Amino acid sequence: MPSKSKQKHRSVSTSTTPTHTSKAASTTTPAAASTASKTMGKSFSTEFNPDYTFVKQDLRRIGTLAGIFFVVLVVLSFFLR
């Protein structure tokens, strides 16, 4: 009987806030408007920011073991000739 595959379904909600048009908002400079939009975007950020610390540790361990085994093979080749 085949085993069930475990899959996680991720849902990303993208909510938009209604924009209010006012006279004060239309008189702002483009730099101030872009700064305001950047700060508004940070509160609803959906950036994917993974943590690769375990992957780095595993790769370092694999590299160390591969180096050790390579040295052992070279040393054994001198003794077995």
C-alpha atoms as a PDB file:
ATOM      1  CA  MET A   1       0.000   0.000   0.000  1.00  0.00           C
ATOM      2  CA  PRO A   2       1.553   3.341  -0.975  1.00  0.00           C
ATOM      3  CA  SER A   3       2.161   5.775   1.822  1.00  0.00           C
ATOM      4  CA  LYS A   4       0.393   9.088   1.901  1.00  0.00           C
ATOM      5  CA  SER A   5       2.550  12.035   1.037  1.00  0.00           C
ATOM      6  CA  LYS A   6       2.481  14.854   3.520  1.00  0.00           C
ATOM      7  CA  GLN A   7       2.195  18.199   1.849  1.00  0.00           C
ATOM      8  CA  LYS A   8       1.731  21.530   3.507  1.00  0.00           C
ATOM      9  CA  HIS A   9      -0.455  23.958   1.689  1.00  0.00           C
ATOM     10  CA  ARG A  10       0.528  27.561   2.217  1.00  0.00           C
ATOM     11  CA  SER A  11      -1.976  30.271   1.675  1.00  0.00           C
ATOM     12  CA  VAL A  12      -0.846  33.844   1.323  1.00  0.00           C
ATOM     13  CA  SER A  13      -3.413  36.458   2.055  1.00  0.00           C
ATOM     14  CA  THR A  14      -2.979  39.707   0.239  1.00  0.00           C
ATOM     15  CA  SER A  15      -5.181  42.285   1.787  1.00  0.00           C
ATOM     16  CA  THR A  16      -5.376  45.738   0.365  1.00  0.00           C
ATOM     17  CA  THR A  17      -6.278  48.748   2.359  1.00  0.00           C
ATOM     18  CA  PRO A  18      -8.710  51.216   0.828  1.00  0.00           C
ATOM     19  CA  THR A  19      -7.052  54.394  -0.327  1.00  0.00           C
ATOM     20  CA  HIS A  20      -8.537  57.664   0.789  1.00  0.00           C
ATOM     21  CA  THR A  21      -8.126  60.613  -1.492  1.00  0.00           C
ATOM     22  CA  SER A  22      -7.832  63.923   0.185  1.00  0.00           C
ATOM     23  CA  LYS A  23      -6.492  67.335  -0.678  1.00  0.00           C
ATOM     24  CA  ALA A  24      -3.531  66.895   1.706  1.00  0.00           C
ATOM     25  CA  ALA A  25      -2.556  63.598   0.138  1.00  0.00           C
ATOM     26  CA  SER A  26      -2.528  65.068  -3.353  1.00  0.00           C
ATOM     27  CA  THR A  27      -0.162  67.889  -2.330  1.00  0.00           C
ATOM     28  CA  THR A  28       2.574  65.588  -0.955  1.00  0.00           C
ATOM     29  CA  THR A  29       5.835  65.236  -2.803  1.00  0.00           C
ATOM     30  CA  PRO A  30       6.585  62.035  -4.705  1.00  0.00           C
ATOM     31  CA  ALA A  31       9.449  61.220  -2.289  1.00  0.00           C
ATOM     32  CA  ALA A  32       7.133  61.444   0.713  1.00  0.00           C
ATOM     33  CA  ALA A  33       4.523  59.338  -1.073  1.00  0.00           C
ATOM     34  CA  SER A  34       7.059  56.619  -1.903  1.00  0.00           C
ATOM     35  CA  THR A  35       8.311  56.610   1.695  1.00  0.00           C
ATOM     36  CA  ALA A  36       4.767  56.293   2.970  1.00  0.00           C
ATOM     37  CA  SER A  37       4.038  53.426   0.585  1.00  0.00           C
ATOM     38  CA  LYS A  38       7.218  51.630   1.697  1.00  0.00           C
ATOM     39  CA  THR A  39       6.271  51.855   5.363  1.00  0.00           C
ATOM     40  CA  MET A  40       2.724  50.734   4.612  1.00  0.00           C
ATOM     41  CA  GLY A  41       4.061  47.733   2.704  1.00  0.00           C
ATOM     42  CA  LYS A  42       6.231  46.620   5.617  1.00  0.00           C
ATOM     43  CA  SER A  43       3.259  45.960   7.872  1.00  0.00           C
ATOM     44  CA  PHE A  44       1.697  43.610   5.287  1.00  0.00           C
ATOM     45  CA  SER A  45       4.943  42.129   4.039  1.00  0.00           C
ATOM     46  CA  THR A  46       4.718  38.697   2.441  1.00  0.00           C
ATOM     47  CA  GLU A  47       8.461  38.335   1.781  1.00  0.00           C
ATOM     48  CA  PHE A  48       9.896  34.852   1.987  1.00  0.00           C
ATOM     49  CA  ASN A  49      12.856  35.037   4.342  1.00  0.00           C
ATOM     50  CA  PRO A  50      14.175  31.501   4.974  1.00  0.00           C
ATOM     51  CA  ASP A  51      16.690  30.553   7.646  1.00  0.00           C
ATOM     52  CA  TYR A  52      19.553  28.520   6.189  1.00  0.00           C
ATOM     53  CA  THR A  53      21.670  28.054   9.329  1.00  0.00           C
ATOM     54  CA  PHE A  54      20.982  24.310   9.505  1.00  0.00           C
ATOM     55  CA  VAL A  55      21.743  23.891   5.812  1.00  0.00           C
ATOM     56  CA  LYS A  56      25.079  25.670   6.229  1.00  0.00           C
ATOM     57  CA  GLN A  57      25.971  23.464   9.190  1.00  0.00           C
ATOM     58  CA  ASP A  58      25.087  20.317   7.255  1.00  0.00           C
ATOM     59  CA  LEU A  59      27.094  21.394   4.204  1.00  0.00           C
ATOM     60  CA  ARG A  60      30.103  22.196   6.400  1.00  0.00           C
ATOM     61  CA  ARG A  61      29.837  18.773   8.044  1.00  0.00           C
ATOM     62  CA  ILE A  62      29.551  17.024   4.663  1.00  0.00           C
ATOM     63  CA  GLY A  63      32.576  18.914   3.329  1.00  0.00           C
ATOM     64  CA  THR A  64      34.640  18.074   6.391  1.00  0.00           C
ATOM     65  CA  LEU A  65      33.779  14.400   6.175  1.00  0.00           C
ATOM     66  CA  ALA A  66      34.506  14.316   2.438  1.00  0.00           C
ATOM     67  CA  GLY A  67      37.907  15.916   3.043  1.00  0.00           C
ATOM     68  CA  ILE A  68      38.742  13.456   5.806  1.00  0.00           C
ATOM     69  CA  PHE A  69      37.759  10.465   3.663  1.00  0.00           C
ATOM     70  CA  PHE A  70      39.802  11.793   0.745  1.00  0.00           C
ATOM     71  CA  VAL A  71      42.890  12.141   2.941  1.00  0.00           C
ATOM     72  CA  VAL A  72      42.339   8.621   4.330  1.00  0.00           C
ATOM     73  CA  LEU A  73      42.135   7.228   0.784  1.00  0.00           C
ATOM     74  CA  VAL A  74      45.359   8.967  -0.247  1.00  0.00           C
ATOM     75  CA  VAL A  75      47.184   7.683   2.871  1.00  0.00           C
ATOM     76  CA  LEU A  76      45.866   4.151   2.321  1.00  0.00           C
ATOM     77  CA  SER A  77      47.016   4.212  -1.309  1.00  0.00           C
ATOM     78  CA  PHE A  78      50.630   4.693  -0.115  1.00  0.00           C
ATOM     79  CA  PHE A  79      50.421   1.760   2.319  1.00  0.00           C
ATOM     80  CA  LEU A  80      48.668  -0.661  -0.045  1.00  0.00           C
ATOM     81  CA  ARG A  81      51.161  -0.384  -2.927  1.00  0.00           C
END
